[in-house]
Amino acid sequence: MAQDIDFDIGGRVRETLARVFQLSAAEAGDLRMGLHPLWNSMGHMQLIVELEKEFGLRFPTYEIAELLSTEAIIKAVERYRQK
């Protein structure tokens, strides 16, 4: 069951990345800030807002600067969803 939850979170994170940065789902698989022209500082804040809406959570301000890759975002969402 935990794997289903992990897959769901990962899939939703990738879908959000794809939507914000106008990518296909495949292109959103393993992104890092700076590797896509829209993932700049402004794009990062748009992504954070969309992720918070998608998952119904709020990232602490100090953590926003650390969410610089698909993997880091998935781990953070999983951590906050378990609380």
N, C-alpha and C. Protein backbone atom coordinates (compact mmCIF):
# COMPACT_ATOMS: atom_id res chain seq x y z
N MET A 1 0.82 -1.20 0.00
CA MET A 1 0.00 0.00 0.00
C MET A 1 0.86 1.26 0.00
N ALA A 2 1.94 1.25 0.77
CA ALA A 2 2.83 2.42 0.82
C ALA A 2 3.40 2.73 -0.57
N GLN A 3 3.68 1.69 -1.35
CA GLN A 3 4.20 1.92 -2.69
C GLN A 3 3.17 2.64 -3.56
N ASP A 4 1.87 2.31 -3.39
CA ASP A 4 0.82 2.99 -4.15
C ASP A 4 0.78 4.46 -3.79
N ILE A 5 0.92 4.76 -2.50
CA ILE A 5 0.93 6.15 -2.05
C ILE A 5 2.13 6.87 -2.64
N ASP A 6 3.31 6.24 -2.59
CA ASP A 6 4.52 6.84 -3.14
C ASP A 6 4.37 7.10 -4.63
N PHE A 7 3.82 6.13 -5.35
CA PHE A 7 3.63 6.30 -6.79
C PHE A 7 2.66 7.44 -7.06
N ASP A 8 1.60 7.49 -6.30
CA ASP A 8 0.61 8.54 -6.48
C ASP A 8 1.23 9.91 -6.24
N ILE A 9 2.00 10.06 -5.19
CA ILE A 9 2.66 11.33 -4.90
C ILE A 9 3.64 11.68 -6.02
N GLY A 10 4.48 10.73 -6.41
CA GLY A 10 5.45 10.97 -7.47
C GLY A 10 4.77 11.35 -8.77
N GLY A 11 3.70 10.65 -9.11
CA GLY A 11 2.96 10.96 -10.33
C GLY A 11 2.34 12.34 -10.29
N ARG A 12 1.78 12.69 -9.15
CA ARG A 12 1.15 14.01 -9.00
C ARG A 12 2.20 15.13 -9.03
N VAL A 13 3.35 14.89 -8.43
CA VAL A 13 4.43 15.88 -8.48
C VAL A 13 4.86 16.08 -9.92
N ARG A 14 5.06 14.99 -10.65
CA ARG A 14 5.48 15.09 -12.05
C ARG A 14 4.42 15.78 -12.92
N GLU A 15 3.15 15.48 -12.66
CA GLU A 15 2.07 16.15 -13.39
C GLU A 15 2.07 17.65 -13.12
N THR A 16 2.33 18.02 -11.86
CA THR A 16 2.38 19.44 -11.51
C THR A 16 3.57 20.11 -12.19
N LEU A 17 4.73 19.46 -12.16
CA LEU A 17 5.90 19.99 -12.87
C LEU A 17 5.59 20.18 -14.36
N ALA A 18 4.96 19.19 -14.96
CA ALA A 18 4.64 19.25 -16.38
C ALA A 18 3.69 20.41 -16.67
N ARG A 19 2.70 20.57 -15.83
CA ARG A 19 1.72 21.64 -16.03
C ARG A 19 2.37 23.02 -15.88
N VAL A 20 3.15 23.21 -14.82
CA VAL A 20 3.76 24.52 -14.55
C VAL A 20 4.78 24.88 -15.62
N PHE A 21 5.58 23.90 -16.04
CA PHE A 21 6.67 24.19 -16.98
C PHE A 21 6.35 23.79 -18.42
N GLN A 22 5.08 23.47 -18.68
CA GLN A 22 4.61 23.18 -20.03
C GLN A 22 5.42 22.06 -20.69
N LEU A 23 5.46 20.93 -19.99
CA LEU A 23 6.22 19.77 -20.45
C LEU A 23 5.30 18.58 -20.63
N SER A 24 5.80 17.56 -21.31
CA SER A 24 5.10 16.29 -21.32
C SER A 24 5.40 15.59 -20.00
N ALA A 25 4.61 14.60 -19.64
CA ALA A 25 4.85 13.86 -18.40
C ALA A 25 6.23 13.20 -18.41
N ALA A 26 6.66 12.72 -19.56
CA ALA A 26 7.97 12.07 -19.66
C ALA A 26 9.10 13.07 -19.40
N GLU A 27 8.95 14.29 -19.90
CA GLU A 27 9.98 15.31 -19.70
C GLU A 27 10.07 15.77 -18.25
N ALA A 28 9.00 15.61 -17.50
CA ALA A 28 8.97 16.08 -16.11
C ALA A 28 9.53 15.04 -15.14
N GLY A 29 10.02 13.95 -15.65
CA GLY A 29 10.47 12.85 -14.80
C GLY A 29 11.59 13.15 -13.84
N ASP A 30 12.64 13.75 -14.28
CA ASP A 30 13.83 13.92 -13.45
C ASP A 30 14.42 15.31 -13.65
N LEU A 31 13.69 16.31 -13.26
CA LEU A 31 14.13 17.69 -13.48
C LEU A 31 14.87 18.26 -12.29
N ARG A 32 15.66 19.28 -12.57
CA ARG A 32 16.32 20.09 -11.53
C ARG A 32 16.16 21.55 -11.93
N MET A 33 16.10 22.40 -10.94
CA MET A 33 16.03 23.84 -11.23
C MET A 33 17.22 24.23 -12.10
N GLY A 34 16.95 25.02 -13.11
CA GLY A 34 18.00 25.48 -14.01
C GLY A 34 18.16 24.63 -15.26
N LEU A 35 17.63 23.42 -15.27
CA LEU A 35 17.74 22.56 -16.45
C LEU A 35 16.66 22.85 -17.48
N HIS A 36 15.63 23.53 -17.07
CA HIS A 36 14.57 23.93 -17.99
C HIS A 36 14.45 25.45 -17.91
N PRO A 37 14.32 26.14 -19.04
CA PRO A 37 14.32 27.60 -19.01
C PRO A 37 13.22 28.22 -18.15
N LEU A 38 12.09 27.55 -17.98
CA LEU A 38 11.02 28.11 -17.15
C LEU A 38 11.24 27.86 -15.66
N TRP A 39 12.15 26.94 -15.31
CA TRP A 39 12.40 26.69 -13.89
C TRP A 39 13.53 27.61 -13.42
N ASN A 40 13.19 28.88 -13.35
CA ASN A 40 14.07 29.91 -12.81
C ASN A 40 13.48 30.32 -11.46
N SER A 41 13.91 31.43 -10.89
CA SER A 41 13.41 31.81 -9.56
C SER A 41 11.90 32.08 -9.57
N MET A 42 11.39 32.74 -10.59
CA MET A 42 9.95 33.00 -10.67
C MET A 42 9.18 31.70 -10.91
N GLY A 43 9.68 30.89 -11.81
CA GLY A 43 9.05 29.60 -12.07
C GLY A 43 9.04 28.71 -10.83
N HIS A 44 10.09 28.81 -10.03
CA HIS A 44 10.17 28.01 -8.80
C HIS A 44 9.04 28.39 -7.84
N MET A 45 8.79 29.68 -7.71
CA MET A 45 7.71 30.11 -6.82
C MET A 45 6.35 29.69 -7.36
N GLN A 46 6.17 29.75 -8.67
CA GLN A 46 4.91 29.26 -9.26
C GLN A 46 4.74 27.77 -8.99
N LEU A 47 5.82 27.02 -9.10
CA LEU A 47 5.77 25.59 -8.83
C LEU A 47 5.39 25.33 -7.38
N ILE A 48 6.00 26.04 -6.44
CA ILE A 48 5.70 25.84 -5.03
C ILE A 48 4.23 26.10 -4.74
N VAL A 49 3.69 27.18 -5.29
CA VAL A 49 2.27 27.51 -5.10
C VAL A 49 1.39 26.38 -5.64
N GLU A 50 1.71 25.88 -6.82
CA GLU A 50 0.92 24.80 -7.42
C GLU A 50 1.04 23.50 -6.61
N LEU A 51 2.23 23.20 -6.12
CA LEU A 51 2.40 22.00 -5.30
C LEU A 51 1.61 22.11 -4.00
N GLU A 52 1.63 23.27 -3.38
CA GLU A 52 0.89 23.47 -2.14
C GLU A 52 -0.61 23.31 -2.38
N LYS A 53 -1.11 23.81 -3.51
CA LYS A 53 -2.52 23.62 -3.86
C LYS A 53 -2.82 22.15 -4.12
N GLU A 54 -1.97 21.51 -4.89
CA GLU A 54 -2.18 20.11 -5.28
C GLU A 54 -2.27 19.19 -4.07
N PHE A 55 -1.40 19.42 -3.09
CA PHE A 55 -1.32 18.51 -1.95
C PHE A 55 -1.94 19.06 -0.66
N GLY A 56 -2.46 20.27 -0.71
CA GLY A 56 -3.10 20.85 0.46
C GLY A 56 -2.15 21.01 1.64
N LEU A 57 -0.96 21.49 1.36
CA LEU A 57 0.03 21.68 2.42
C LEU A 57 0.75 22.99 2.23
N ARG A 58 1.56 23.36 3.21
CA ARG A 58 2.39 24.57 3.13
C ARG A 58 3.82 24.17 3.47
N PHE A 59 4.72 24.47 2.57
CA PHE A 59 6.14 24.23 2.85
C PHE A 59 6.66 25.36 3.73
N PRO A 60 7.46 25.03 4.74
CA PRO A 60 8.09 26.10 5.52
C PRO A 60 9.01 26.92 4.61
N THR A 61 9.09 28.20 4.87
CA THR A 61 9.88 29.10 4.04
C THR A 61 11.32 28.62 3.87
N TYR A 62 11.92 28.14 4.94
CA TYR A 62 13.32 27.69 4.86
C TYR A 62 13.50 26.50 3.92
N GLU A 63 12.45 25.72 3.72
CA GLU A 63 12.58 24.51 2.90
C GLU A 63 12.37 24.79 1.41
N ILE A 64 11.70 25.85 1.08
CA ILE A 64 11.41 26.16 -0.32
C ILE A 64 12.68 26.23 -1.16
N ALA A 65 13.73 26.78 -0.60
CA ALA A 65 15.00 26.91 -1.33
C ALA A 65 15.69 25.56 -1.54
N GLU A 66 15.25 24.53 -0.82
CA GLU A 66 15.85 23.21 -0.96
C GLU A 66 15.11 22.30 -1.94
N LEU A 67 13.96 22.73 -2.40
CA LEU A 67 13.14 21.90 -3.29
C LEU A 67 13.54 22.15 -4.74
N LEU A 68 14.73 21.70 -5.09
CA LEU A 68 15.33 22.05 -6.37
C LEU A 68 15.36 20.91 -7.37
N SER A 69 14.72 19.80 -7.05
CA SER A 69 14.68 18.68 -7.99
C SER A 69 13.39 17.90 -7.79
N THR A 70 13.03 17.13 -8.79
CA THR A 70 11.84 16.28 -8.68
C THR A 70 11.96 15.39 -7.46
N GLU A 71 13.11 14.77 -7.28
CA GLU A 71 13.32 13.86 -6.15
C GLU A 71 13.16 14.57 -4.81
N ALA A 72 13.75 15.75 -4.66
CA ALA A 72 13.65 16.49 -3.40
C ALA A 72 12.21 16.88 -3.11
N ILE A 73 11.47 17.24 -4.13
CA ILE A 73 10.07 17.62 -3.96
C ILE A 73 9.25 16.42 -3.51
N ILE A 74 9.44 15.28 -4.17
CA ILE A 74 8.69 14.08 -3.81
C ILE A 74 8.96 13.69 -2.37
N LYS A 75 10.22 13.71 -1.95
CA LYS A 75 10.56 13.36 -0.57
C LYS A 75 9.92 14.31 0.43
N ALA A 76 9.92 15.61 0.11
CA ALA A 76 9.32 16.59 1.01
C ALA A 76 7.81 16.38 1.12
N VAL A 77 7.15 16.17 -0.01
CA VAL A 77 5.70 15.95 0.01
C VAL A 77 5.38 14.69 0.80
N GLU A 78 6.12 13.63 0.58
CA GLU A 78 5.89 12.39 1.34
C GLU A 78 6.03 12.65 2.84
N ARG A 79 7.04 13.39 3.23
CA ARG A 79 7.30 13.68 4.64
C ARG A 79 6.12 14.47 5.25
N TYR A 80 5.65 15.49 4.55
CA TYR A 80 4.57 16.30 5.08
C TYR A 80 3.22 15.60 5.02
N ARG A 81 3.03 14.73 4.06
CA ARG A 81 1.77 13.98 3.96
C ARG A 81 1.64 12.94 5.06
N GLN A 82 2.74 12.48 5.61
CA GLN A 82 2.72 11.47 6.67
C GLN A 82 2.42 12.08 8.04
N LYS A 83 2.53 13.39 8.16
CA LYS A 83 2.30 14.05 9.46
C LYS A 83 0.83 14.14 9.77
